[in-house]
Amino acid sequence: MNSKPGLHPRNKHKNGYNFDVLIKHNKNLAPFVRKNEYGTVTIDFSDPKAVKELNVTLLEAHYGIKDWTFPDENLCPPIPGRVDYIHYIADLLESSGITKDIKILDIGTGATCIYPLLGVKEYNWNFVAVDTEVDSLDSAQDIVDDNGLKSKITLRQQLDEANILKGIIEKGDSFSAVICNPPFYKSEMEAKGANARKSRNLGNNAVRNFAGNNNELWYPGGEKAFLHNYFYQSSLYKDTSVWFTSLVSKKENIESLQKSGEKLKVKNFSIIPMHQGNKVTRIVAWQF
C-alpha cells in the first residue's frame, strides 16, 4: 500500500492502492506493477500506458465502471484527485441544505466524462456534461451508453469556444452546482513546455508523456482569462444554479476573482483547499 495523504475523508483512495486487489480486477495492470527503490509496490507514473491502466482499473474496482475507452491523445484523469472534487461539492451542497434531486452542470467534460461518472456512482447525481469538441463528446457518449447511464448523464456541445455558459444554458435549466476543471495554459507552446518539464522531472524523455488535446490544456489568456470569462457569464445566469464552482491551480488567480466577485455582487465566495500528496490545489465556489 502506498500512502495518499490529504485526500478527502470519504475518498476511497485515501489509504493508497492495494495492487494485489487491483490486479485481480484487471490482469492487464500486472506488467506495470513493480517495486521502486524504496521497496514500495507502485507503477511508473511517467509511463502513460501504466497510468491509464491504473485509472481504468480503479474505475472498475471501486466504481463499477466496466468500459472506459477513450483515445490516447486525450488527457487521462487521475481518479483520486477527480473524485475529491466530487466529495467536496457534496459537502458544499449539504452545507446549503441540498441533499436530494441534485443536478450538476460539468463544463469541459472531455472524452472521459470523468466527473459525471464519479458523481453518479458516488452520489447518484444527475448531470449535464458539456464540451466544445465533437470527437470528445462522441467518446463520452459511448462511455455513457456502454455503462447504461443515459438516464443520468446528458451531453451538450458548446458551439462557440469564446463562451462557457452562453449557448449551453437552456430555458428551464436548474442546477445545484456547476463544476469546471479549466485549461491551465495560454497556448499550445506553453503546454508543451510544461509537458517537457514534467517528463524531465519524472526522468522520462517521452514526448507525449502527458496527453491532452488543445481544449483540455490551453485557452487564450490561460486559466485566469478562462476563469474571469466563466465568472462574468455566471452573473448572467445567476438564478440557474445555486453554486458555481471551479478548480483553480494558480493561487494568484483567486485574489482577482474575489475582486470581480465584489463588482458582480456575489453573495458568497468560498475557497476550499484540496491536498493530494505534495500538491495543493483549490476549489473556488460562489453564489449570487
C-alpha atoms as a PDB file:
ATOM      1  CA  MET A   1       0.000   0.000   0.000  1.00  0.00           C
ATOM      2  CA  ASN A   2       1.324   3.477  -0.804  1.00  0.00           C
ATOM      3  CA  SER A   3       0.065   6.454   1.162  1.00  0.00           C
ATOM      4  CA  LYS A   4      -2.024   9.227  -0.377  1.00  0.00           C
ATOM      5  CA  PRO A   5      -2.022  11.917   2.329  1.00  0.00           C
ATOM      6  CA  GLY A   6      -4.549  14.693   2.358  1.00  0.00           C
ATOM      7  CA  LEU A   7      -7.375  13.234   0.301  1.00  0.00           C
ATOM      8  CA  HIS A   8     -10.998  13.782   1.375  1.00  0.00           C
ATOM      9  CA  PRO A   9     -12.103  11.517   4.275  1.00  0.00           C
ATOM     10  CA  ARG A  10     -14.665   9.777   2.016  1.00  0.00           C
ATOM     11  CA  ASN A  11     -12.152   9.247  -0.800  1.00  0.00           C
ATOM     12  CA  LYS A  12     -11.777   5.507  -1.415  1.00  0.00           C
ATOM     13  CA  HIS A  13      -8.114   6.054  -2.336  1.00  0.00           C
ATOM     14  CA  LYS A  14      -7.031   7.953   0.789  1.00  0.00           C
ATOM     15  CA  ASN A  15      -5.008   4.951   2.029  1.00  0.00           C
ATOM     16  CA  GLY A  16      -3.298   4.352  -1.309  1.00  0.00           C
ATOM     17  CA  TYR A  17      -3.618   1.426  -3.734  1.00  0.00           C
ATOM     18  CA  ASN A  18      -3.794  -2.276  -2.958  1.00  0.00           C
ATOM     19  CA  PHE A  19      -2.213  -3.593  -6.141  1.00  0.00           C
ATOM     20  CA  ASP A  20      -2.957  -7.251  -5.297  1.00  0.00           C
ATOM     21  CA  VAL A  21      -6.681  -6.442  -5.266  1.00  0.00           C
ATOM     22  CA  LEU A  22      -6.464  -4.223  -8.343  1.00  0.00           C
ATOM     23  CA  ILE A  23      -4.671  -6.873 -10.417  1.00  0.00           C
ATOM     24  CA  LYS A  24      -7.477  -9.341  -9.594  1.00  0.00           C
ATOM     25  CA  HIS A  25      -9.846  -6.892 -11.294  1.00  0.00           C
ATOM     26  CA  ASN A  26      -7.582  -6.248 -14.274  1.00  0.00           C
ATOM     27  CA  LYS A  27      -4.719  -8.582 -15.210  1.00  0.00           C
ATOM     28  CA  ASN A  28      -3.538  -6.018 -17.796  1.00  0.00           C
ATOM     29  CA  LEU A  29      -2.270  -3.885 -14.915  1.00  0.00           C
ATOM     30  CA  ALA A  30       0.147  -6.590 -13.688  1.00  0.00           C
ATOM     31  CA  PRO A  31       3.034  -5.925 -16.151  1.00  0.00           C
ATOM     32  CA  PHE A  32       3.200  -2.290 -14.974  1.00  0.00           C
ATOM     33  CA  VAL A  33       3.398  -3.006 -11.231  1.00  0.00           C
ATOM     34  CA  ARG A  34       6.871  -3.068  -9.694  1.00  0.00           C
ATOM     35  CA  LYS A  35       8.801  -2.223  -6.541  1.00  0.00           C
ATOM     36  CA  ASN A  36      10.570   1.117  -6.543  1.00  0.00           C
ATOM     37  CA  GLU A  37      13.965   1.887  -4.974  1.00  0.00           C
ATOM     38  CA  TYR A  38      12.317   2.299  -1.563  1.00  0.00           C
ATOM     39  CA  GLY A  39      10.670  -1.135  -1.723  1.00  0.00           C
ATOM     40  CA  THR A  40       7.207   0.355  -2.338  1.00  0.00           C
ATOM     41  CA  VAL A  41       4.890  -1.507  -4.718  1.00  0.00           C
ATOM     42  CA  THR A  42       3.839   1.019  -7.355  1.00  0.00           C
ATOM     43  CA  ILE A  43       3.802   1.798 -11.077  1.00  0.00           C
ATOM     44  CA  ASP A  44       5.976   4.097 -13.186  1.00  0.00           C
ATOM     45  CA  PHE A  45       3.893   7.291 -13.183  1.00  0.00           C
ATOM     46  CA  SER A  46       5.952   8.655 -16.085  1.00  0.00           C
ATOM     47  CA  ASP A  47       4.598   5.863 -18.315  1.00  0.00           C
ATOM     48  CA  PRO A  48       1.279   6.995 -19.838  1.00  0.00           C
ATOM     49  CA  LYS A  49       0.213   3.386 -20.543  1.00  0.00           C
ATOM     50  CA  ALA A  50       0.773   2.424 -16.906  1.00  0.00           C
ATOM     51  CA  VAL A  51      -1.120   5.480 -15.659  1.00  0.00           C
ATOM     52  CA  LYS A  52      -4.049   4.808 -17.973  1.00  0.00           C
ATOM     53  CA  GLU A  53      -4.217   1.118 -16.992  1.00  0.00           C
ATOM     54  CA  LEU A  54      -4.160   2.035 -13.297  1.00  0.00           C
ATOM     55  CA  ASN A  55      -7.027   4.514 -13.642  1.00  0.00           C
ATOM     56  CA  VAL A  56      -9.080   2.134 -15.797  1.00  0.00           C
ATOM     57  CA  THR A  57      -8.651  -0.443 -13.030  1.00  0.00           C
ATOM     58  CA  LEU A  58      -9.569   1.974 -10.230  1.00  0.00           C
ATOM     59  CA  LEU A  59     -12.784   2.875 -12.038  1.00  0.00           C
ATOM     60  CA  GLU A  60     -13.783  -0.760 -12.441  1.00  0.00           C
ATOM     61  CA  ALA A  61     -12.709  -1.975  -8.992  1.00  0.00           C
ATOM     62  CA  HIS A  62     -14.128   0.894  -6.930  1.00  0.00           C
ATOM     63  CA  TYR A  63     -16.929   2.402  -9.040  1.00  0.00           C
ATOM     64  CA  GLY A  64     -18.229  -0.388 -11.246  1.00  0.00           C
ATOM     65  CA  ILE A  65     -17.349   1.407 -14.499  1.00  0.00           C
ATOM     66  CA  LYS A  66     -16.716  -1.525 -16.828  1.00  0.00           C
ATOM     67  CA  ASP A  67     -15.984   0.279 -20.058  1.00  0.00           C
ATOM     68  CA  TRP A  68     -13.877   3.444 -20.080  1.00  0.00           C
ATOM     69  CA  THR A  69     -12.389   3.641 -23.545  1.00  0.00           C
ATOM     70  CA  PHE A  70     -11.068   6.897 -24.993  1.00  0.00           C
ATOM     71  CA  PRO A  71      -8.316   7.966 -27.435  1.00  0.00           C
ATOM     72  CA  ASP A  72      -4.733   8.032 -26.160  1.00  0.00           C
ATOM     73  CA  GLU A  73      -4.329  11.686 -27.194  1.00  0.00           C
ATOM     74  CA  ASN A  74      -6.916  12.727 -24.614  1.00  0.00           C
ATOM     75  CA  LEU A  75      -5.968  13.581 -21.060  1.00  0.00           C
ATOM     76  CA  CYS A  76      -6.130  10.586 -18.689  1.00  0.00           C
ATOM     77  CA  PRO A  77      -7.552  11.975 -15.447  1.00  0.00           C
ATOM     78  CA  PRO A  78      -6.190  10.644 -12.124  1.00  0.00           C
ATOM     79  CA  ILE A  79      -9.220   9.194 -10.339  1.00  0.00           C
ATOM     80  CA  PRO A  80      -8.264  10.050  -6.703  1.00  0.00           C
ATOM     81  CA  GLY A  81      -7.986  13.761  -7.465  1.00  0.00           C
ATOM     82  CA  ARG A  82     -11.105  13.871  -9.632  1.00  0.00           C
ATOM     83  CA  VAL A  83     -13.313  12.138  -7.058  1.00  0.00           C
ATOM     84  CA  ASP A  84     -12.006  14.535  -4.381  1.00  0.00           C
ATOM     85  CA  TYR A  85     -13.675  17.433  -6.238  1.00  0.00           C
ATOM     86  CA  ILE A  86     -16.945  15.482  -6.244  1.00  0.00           C
ATOM     87  CA  HIS A  87     -16.755  14.829  -2.479  1.00  0.00           C
ATOM     88  CA  TYR A  88     -16.079  18.492  -1.695  1.00  0.00           C
ATOM     89  CA  ILE A  89     -19.020  19.560  -3.885  1.00  0.00           C
ATOM     90  CA  ALA A  90     -21.199  17.092  -1.941  1.00  0.00           C
ATOM     91  CA  ASP A  91     -20.069  18.790   1.301  1.00  0.00           C
ATOM     92  CA  LEU A  92     -20.795  22.233  -0.159  1.00  0.00           C
ATOM     93  CA  LEU A  93     -24.297  21.211  -1.234  1.00  0.00           C
ATOM     94  CA  GLU A  94     -25.038  19.573   2.105  1.00  0.00           C
ATOM     95  CA  SER A  95     -23.930  22.743   3.932  1.00  0.00           C
ATOM     96  CA  SER A  96     -26.551  24.589   1.822  1.00  0.00           C
ATOM     97  CA  GLY A  97     -29.255  22.068   2.725  1.00  0.00           C
ATOM     98  CA  ILE A  98     -29.220  20.461  -0.751  1.00  0.00           C
ATOM     99  CA  THR A  99     -29.269  16.684  -0.407  1.00  0.00           C
ATOM    100  CA  LYS A 100     -31.930  15.498  -2.890  1.00  0.00           C
ATOM    101  CA  ASP A 101     -32.584  15.704  -6.640  1.00  0.00           C
ATOM    102  CA  ILE A 102     -29.095  17.041  -7.282  1.00  0.00           C
ATOM    103  CA  LYS A 103     -28.270  18.063 -10.842  1.00  0.00           C
ATOM    104  CA  ILE A 104     -24.780  19.182 -11.839  1.00  0.00           C
ATOM    105  CA  LEU A 105     -23.516  21.029 -14.918  1.00  0.00           C
ATOM    106  CA  ASP A 106     -19.997  19.873 -15.870  1.00  0.00           C
ATOM    107  CA  ILE A 107     -18.127  22.373 -18.054  1.00  0.00           C
ATOM    108  CA  GLY A 108     -15.457  20.734 -20.254  1.00  0.00           C
ATOM    109  CA  THR A 109     -16.313  17.111 -19.563  1.00  0.00           C
ATOM    110  CA  GLY A 110     -13.765  15.831 -22.105  1.00  0.00           C
ATOM    111  CA  ALA A 111     -13.603  12.459 -23.816  1.00  0.00           C
ATOM    112  CA  THR A 112     -13.538  10.618 -20.475  1.00  0.00           C
ATOM    113  CA  CYS A 113     -16.701  12.145 -18.945  1.00  0.00           C
ATOM    114  CA  ILE A 114     -14.978  11.521 -15.618  1.00  0.00           C
ATOM    115  CA  TYR A 115     -16.790  13.846 -13.219  1.00  0.00           C
ATOM    116  CA  PRO A 116     -20.282  12.703 -14.239  1.00  0.00           C
ATOM    117  CA  LEU A 117     -19.255   9.039 -13.957  1.00  0.00           C
ATOM    118  CA  LEU A 118     -17.912   9.558 -10.425  1.00  0.00           C
ATOM    119  CA  GLY A 119     -20.809  11.781  -9.353  1.00  0.00           C
ATOM    120  CA  VAL A 120     -23.375   9.221 -10.488  1.00  0.00           C
ATOM    121  CA  LYS A 121     -21.551   6.293  -8.877  1.00  0.00           C
ATOM    122  CA  GLU A 122     -20.765   8.007  -5.549  1.00  0.00           C
ATOM    123  CA  TYR A 123     -23.947  10.072  -5.035  1.00  0.00           C
ATOM    124  CA  ASN A 124     -26.460   9.122  -7.754  1.00  0.00           C
ATOM    125  CA  TRP A 125     -26.483  12.716  -9.036  1.00  0.00           C
ATOM    126  CA  ASN A 126     -27.782  13.732 -12.470  1.00  0.00           C
ATOM    127  CA  PHE A 127     -25.525  15.565 -14.915  1.00  0.00           C
ATOM    128  CA  VAL A 128     -25.497  17.762 -17.969  1.00  0.00           C
ATOM    129  CA  ALA A 129     -21.952  17.496 -19.386  1.00  0.00           C
ATOM    130  CA  VAL A 130     -20.582  19.995 -21.892  1.00  0.00           C
ATOM    131  CA  ASP A 131     -17.645  20.171 -24.294  1.00  0.00           C
ATOM    132  CA  THR A 132     -16.645  22.086 -27.422  1.00  0.00           C
ATOM    133  CA  GLU A 133     -15.057  19.104 -29.209  1.00  0.00           C
ATOM    134  CA  VAL A 134     -17.455  16.817 -31.065  1.00  0.00           C
ATOM    135  CA  ASP A 135     -14.925  13.933 -31.023  1.00  0.00           C
ATOM    136  CA  SER A 136     -14.658  14.187 -27.239  1.00  0.00           C
ATOM    137  CA  LEU A 137     -18.447  14.186 -26.935  1.00  0.00           C
ATOM    138  CA  ASP A 138     -18.679  11.114 -29.190  1.00  0.00           C
ATOM    139  CA  SER A 139     -16.218   9.283 -26.936  1.00  0.00           C
ATOM    140  CA  ALA A 140     -18.046  10.443 -23.798  1.00  0.00           C
ATOM    141  CA  GLN A 141     -21.402   9.333 -25.234  1.00  0.00           C
ATOM    142  CA  ASP A 142     -20.017   5.863 -25.975  1.00  0.00           C
ATOM    143  CA  ILE A 143     -18.832   5.584 -22.349  1.00  0.00           C
ATOM    144  CA  VAL A 144     -22.219   6.748 -21.039  1.00  0.00           C
ATOM    145  CA  ASP A 145     -24.081   4.290 -23.297  1.00  0.00           C
ATOM    146  CA  ASP A 146     -21.758   1.343 -22.605  1.00  0.00           C
ATOM    147  CA  ASN A 147     -22.209   1.789 -18.847  1.00  0.00           C
ATOM    148  CA  GLY A 148     -26.001   2.155 -19.003  1.00  0.00           C
ATOM    149  CA  LEU A 149     -26.026   5.756 -17.718  1.00  0.00           C
ATOM    150  CA  LYS A 150     -28.091   7.526 -20.410  1.00  0.00           C
ATOM    151  CA  SER A 151     -30.819   8.365 -17.893  1.00  0.00           C
ATOM    152  CA  LYS A 152     -28.293  10.059 -15.580  1.00  0.00           C
ATOM    153  CA  ILE A 153     -25.921  11.910 -17.940  1.00  0.00           C
ATOM    154  CA  THR A 154     -26.909  14.208 -20.827  1.00  0.00           C
ATOM    155  CA  LEU A 155     -24.277  15.661 -23.169  1.00  0.00           C
ATOM    156  CA  ARG A 156     -24.389  19.067 -24.871  1.00  0.00           C
ATOM    157  CA  GLN A 157     -21.983  20.708 -27.307  1.00  0.00           C
ATOM    158  CA  GLN A 158     -20.722  24.259 -26.808  1.00  0.00           C
ATOM    159  CA  LEU A 159     -20.599  25.541 -30.378  1.00  0.00           C
ATOM    160  CA  ASP A 160     -18.801  28.812 -29.579  1.00  0.00           C
ATOM    161  CA  GLU A 161     -15.372  28.396 -27.951  1.00  0.00           C
ATOM    162  CA  ALA A 162     -15.498  32.014 -26.753  1.00  0.00           C
ATOM    163  CA  ASN A 163     -18.413  31.144 -24.480  1.00  0.00           C
ATOM    164  CA  ILE A 164     -18.667  28.992 -21.393  1.00  0.00           C
ATOM    165  CA  LEU A 165     -22.264  29.181 -20.158  1.00  0.00           C
ATOM    166  CA  LYS A 166     -23.837  31.163 -23.012  1.00  0.00           C
ATOM    167  CA  GLY A 167     -25.270  28.808 -25.606  1.00  0.00           C
ATOM    168  CA  ILE A 168     -25.349  25.922 -23.107  1.00  0.00           C
ATOM    169  CA  ILE A 169     -27.916  27.057 -20.539  1.00  0.00           C
ATOM    170  CA  GLU A 170     -31.389  26.226 -21.822  1.00  0.00           C
ATOM    171  CA  LYS A 171     -34.734  27.647 -20.773  1.00  0.00           C
ATOM    172  CA  GLY A 172     -35.955  25.870 -17.650  1.00  0.00           C
ATOM    173  CA  ASP A 173     -32.478  24.669 -16.615  1.00  0.00           C
ATOM    174  CA  SER A 174     -31.908  24.479 -12.888  1.00  0.00           C
ATOM    175  CA  PHE A 175     -28.680  23.176 -11.368  1.00  0.00           C
ATOM    176  CA  SER A 176     -27.499  22.504  -7.838  1.00  0.00           C
ATOM    177  CA  ALA A 177     -23.921  23.347  -8.863  1.00  0.00           C
ATOM    178  CA  VAL A 178     -21.721  23.989 -11.876  1.00  0.00           C
ATOM    179  CA  ILE A 179     -18.295  22.315 -11.813  1.00  0.00           C
ATOM    180  CA  CYS A 180     -15.281  23.015 -14.015  1.00  0.00           C
ATOM    181  CA  ASN A 181     -11.656  21.953 -14.391  1.00  0.00           C
ATOM    182  CA  PRO A 182     -10.318  24.803 -16.550  1.00  0.00           C
ATOM    183  CA  PRO A 183      -7.429  24.694 -19.026  1.00  0.00           C
ATOM    184  CA  PHE A 184      -4.155  25.726 -17.351  1.00  0.00           C
ATOM    185  CA  TYR A 185      -2.115  27.135 -20.217  1.00  0.00           C
ATOM    186  CA  LYS A 186      -2.263  30.144 -22.550  1.00  0.00           C
ATOM    187  CA  SER A 187      -1.088  28.330 -25.686  1.00  0.00           C
ATOM    188  CA  GLU A 188      -0.006  25.022 -27.181  1.00  0.00           C
ATOM    189  CA  MET A 189       3.636  26.136 -26.836  1.00  0.00           C
ATOM    190  CA  GLU A 190       3.253  26.790 -23.088  1.00  0.00           C
ATOM    191  CA  ALA A 191       1.501  23.424 -22.591  1.00  0.00           C
ATOM    192  CA  LYS A 192       4.265  21.552 -24.456  1.00  0.00           C
ATOM    193  CA  GLY A 193       6.946  23.305 -22.383  1.00  0.00           C
ATOM    194  CA  ALA A 194       5.230  22.254 -19.163  1.00  0.00           C
ATOM    195  CA  ASN A 195       4.846  18.723 -20.524  1.00  0.00           C
ATOM    196  CA  ALA A 196       8.597  18.558 -21.238  1.00  0.00           C
ATOM    197  CA  ARG A 197       9.417  19.790 -17.709  1.00  0.00           C
ATOM    198  CA  LYS A 198       7.135  17.167 -16.152  1.00  0.00           C
ATOM    199  CA  SER A 199       8.771  14.464 -18.267  1.00  0.00           C
ATOM    200  CA  ARG A 200      12.254  15.529 -17.167  1.00  0.00           C
ATOM    201  CA  ASN A 201      11.195  15.680 -13.505  1.00  0.00           C
ATOM    202  CA  LEU A 202       9.977  12.097 -13.775  1.00  0.00           C
ATOM    203  CA  GLY A 203      13.162  11.015 -15.521  1.00  0.00           C
ATOM    204  CA  ASN A 204      11.393  10.270 -18.773  1.00  0.00           C
ATOM    205  CA  ASN A 205      12.048  11.707 -22.232  1.00  0.00           C
ATOM    206  CA  ALA A 206       8.767  10.603 -23.777  1.00  0.00           C
ATOM    207  CA  VAL A 207       7.306  13.328 -25.995  1.00  0.00           C
ATOM    208  CA  ARG A 208       3.661  12.776 -25.123  1.00  0.00           C
ATOM    209  CA  ASN A 209       4.069  11.693 -21.561  1.00  0.00           C
ATOM    210  CA  PHE A 210       1.077  13.757 -20.532  1.00  0.00           C
ATOM    211  CA  ALA A 211      -1.564  13.571 -23.216  1.00  0.00           C
ATOM    212  CA  GLY A 212      -4.216  16.189 -23.754  1.00  0.00           C
ATOM    213  CA  ASN A 213      -5.624  17.992 -26.752  1.00  0.00           C
ATOM    214  CA  ASN A 214      -5.981  21.744 -27.159  1.00  0.00           C
ATOM    215  CA  ASN A 215      -9.287  22.454 -25.411  1.00  0.00           C
ATOM    216  CA  GLU A 216      -8.229  20.323 -22.442  1.00  0.00           C
ATOM    217  CA  LEU A 217      -4.883  22.050 -21.877  1.00  0.00           C
ATOM    218  CA  TRP A 218      -4.957  25.629 -23.125  1.00  0.00           C
ATOM    219  CA  TYR A 219      -7.239  28.620 -23.595  1.00  0.00           C
ATOM    220  CA  PRO A 220      -6.325  32.105 -24.944  1.00  0.00           C
ATOM    221  CA  GLY A 221      -5.116  34.008 -21.883  1.00  0.00           C
ATOM    222  CA  GLY A 222      -4.773  30.810 -19.840  1.00  0.00           C
ATOM    223  CA  GLU A 223      -6.559  29.852 -16.642  1.00  0.00           C
ATOM    224  CA  LYS A 224      -7.038  33.451 -15.488  1.00  0.00           C
ATOM    225  CA  ALA A 225      -8.814  34.526 -18.690  1.00  0.00           C
ATOM    226  CA  PHE A 226     -10.991  31.410 -18.669  1.00  0.00           C
ATOM    227  CA  LEU A 227     -11.993  31.882 -15.036  1.00  0.00           C
ATOM    228  CA  HIS A 228     -12.895  35.546 -15.482  1.00  0.00           C
ATOM    229  CA  ASN A 229     -14.989  34.750 -18.555  1.00  0.00           C
ATOM    230  CA  TYR A 230     -16.767  31.979 -16.630  1.00  0.00           C
ATOM    231  CA  PHE A 231     -17.212  34.253 -13.604  1.00  0.00           C
ATOM    232  CA  TYR A 232     -18.757  37.030 -15.702  1.00  0.00           C
ATOM    233  CA  GLN A 233     -21.050  34.642 -17.594  1.00  0.00           C
ATOM    234  CA  SER A 234     -22.233  33.122 -14.298  1.00  0.00           C
ATOM    235  CA  SER A 235     -23.593  36.586 -13.380  1.00  0.00           C
ATOM    236  CA  LEU A 236     -25.807  36.409 -16.482  1.00  0.00           C
ATOM    237  CA  TYR A 237     -27.315  33.122 -15.292  1.00  0.00           C
ATOM    238  CA  LYS A 238     -27.224  33.739 -11.531  1.00  0.00           C
ATOM    239  CA  ASP A 239     -30.621  32.093 -10.934  1.00  0.00           C
ATOM    240  CA  THR A 240     -29.746  28.987 -12.961  1.00  0.00           C
ATOM    241  CA  SER A 241     -27.518  27.363 -10.324  1.00  0.00           C
ATOM    242  CA  VAL A 242     -27.293  27.503  -6.531  1.00  0.00           C
ATOM    243  CA  TRP A 243     -23.474  27.330  -6.709  1.00  0.00           C
ATOM    244  CA  PHE A 244     -20.892  27.995  -9.413  1.00  0.00           C
ATOM    245  CA  THR A 245     -17.519  26.329  -8.794  1.00  0.00           C
ATOM    246  CA  SER A 246     -14.169  25.728 -10.430  1.00  0.00           C
ATOM    247  CA  LEU A 247     -10.819  24.195  -9.696  1.00  0.00           C
ATOM    248  CA  VAL A 248      -8.080  26.844  -9.584  1.00  0.00           C
ATOM    249  CA  SER A 249      -4.473  25.691  -9.981  1.00  0.00           C
ATOM    250  CA  LYS A 250      -2.784  29.085  -9.592  1.00  0.00           C
ATOM    251  CA  LYS A 251      -3.238  30.658  -6.170  1.00  0.00           C
ATOM    252  CA  GLU A 252      -2.668  34.160  -7.543  1.00  0.00           C
ATOM    253  CA  ASN A 253      -5.834  33.901  -9.670  1.00  0.00           C
ATOM    254  CA  ILE A 254      -8.062  33.779  -6.596  1.00  0.00           C
ATOM    255  CA  GLU A 255      -7.500  37.383  -5.499  1.00  0.00           C
ATOM    256  CA  SER A 256      -8.572  38.788  -8.877  1.00  0.00           C
ATOM    257  CA  LEU A 257     -11.660  36.549  -8.814  1.00  0.00           C
ATOM    258  CA  GLN A 258     -12.585  37.891  -5.384  1.00  0.00           C
ATOM    259  CA  LYS A 259     -12.325  41.459  -6.713  1.00  0.00           C
ATOM    260  CA  SER A 260     -14.525  40.530  -9.684  1.00  0.00           C
ATOM    261  CA  GLY A 261     -16.975  38.955  -7.258  1.00  0.00           C
ATOM    262  CA  GLU A 262     -17.330  42.246  -5.384  1.00  0.00           C
ATOM    263  CA  LYS A 263     -18.103  44.093  -8.635  1.00  0.00           C
ATOM    264  CA  LEU A 264     -20.608  41.423  -9.708  1.00  0.00           C
ATOM    265  CA  LYS A 265     -22.284  41.490  -6.266  1.00  0.00           C
ATOM    266  CA  VAL A 266     -21.540  37.869  -5.390  1.00  0.00           C
ATOM    267  CA  LYS A 267     -23.311  36.941  -2.140  1.00  0.00           C
ATOM    268  CA  ASN A 268     -20.944  34.166  -1.013  1.00  0.00           C
ATOM    269  CA  PHE A 269     -17.398  33.412  -2.142  1.00  0.00           C
ATOM    270  CA  SER A 270     -15.698  30.341  -0.721  1.00  0.00           C
ATOM    271  CA  ILE A 271     -12.230  28.819  -1.150  1.00  0.00           C
ATOM    272  CA  ILE A 272     -11.949  25.064  -0.477  1.00  0.00           C
ATOM    273  CA  PRO A 273      -8.361  23.722  -0.271  1.00  0.00           C
ATOM    274  CA  MET A 274      -7.609  20.270  -1.700  1.00  0.00           C
ATOM    275  CA  HIS A 275      -4.440  18.319  -0.830  1.00  0.00           C
ATOM    276  CA  GLN A 276      -3.166  15.451  -2.966  1.00  0.00           C
ATOM    277  CA  GLY A 277       0.190  14.313  -1.663  1.00  0.00           C
ATOM    278  CA  ASN A 278       2.550  17.283  -2.028  1.00  0.00           C
ATOM    279  CA  LYS A 279       0.232  19.024  -4.475  1.00  0.00           C
ATOM    280  CA  VAL A 280      -2.132  21.694  -3.188  1.00  0.00           C
ATOM    281  CA  THR A 281      -4.972  22.951  -5.345  1.00  0.00           C
ATOM    282  CA  ARG A 282      -8.258  24.604  -4.511  1.00  0.00           C
ATOM    283  CA  ILE A 283     -11.895  24.910  -5.437  1.00  0.00           C
ATOM    284  CA  VAL A 284     -13.494  28.327  -5.625  1.00  0.00           C
ATOM    285  CA  ALA A 285     -17.259  28.448  -5.148  1.00  0.00           C
ATOM    286  CA  TRP A 286     -19.579  31.420  -5.434  1.00  0.00           C
ATOM    287  CA  GLN A 287     -23.274  32.177  -5.420  1.00  0.00           C
ATOM    288  CA  PHE A 288     -25.372  35.242  -6.125  1.00  0.00           C
END
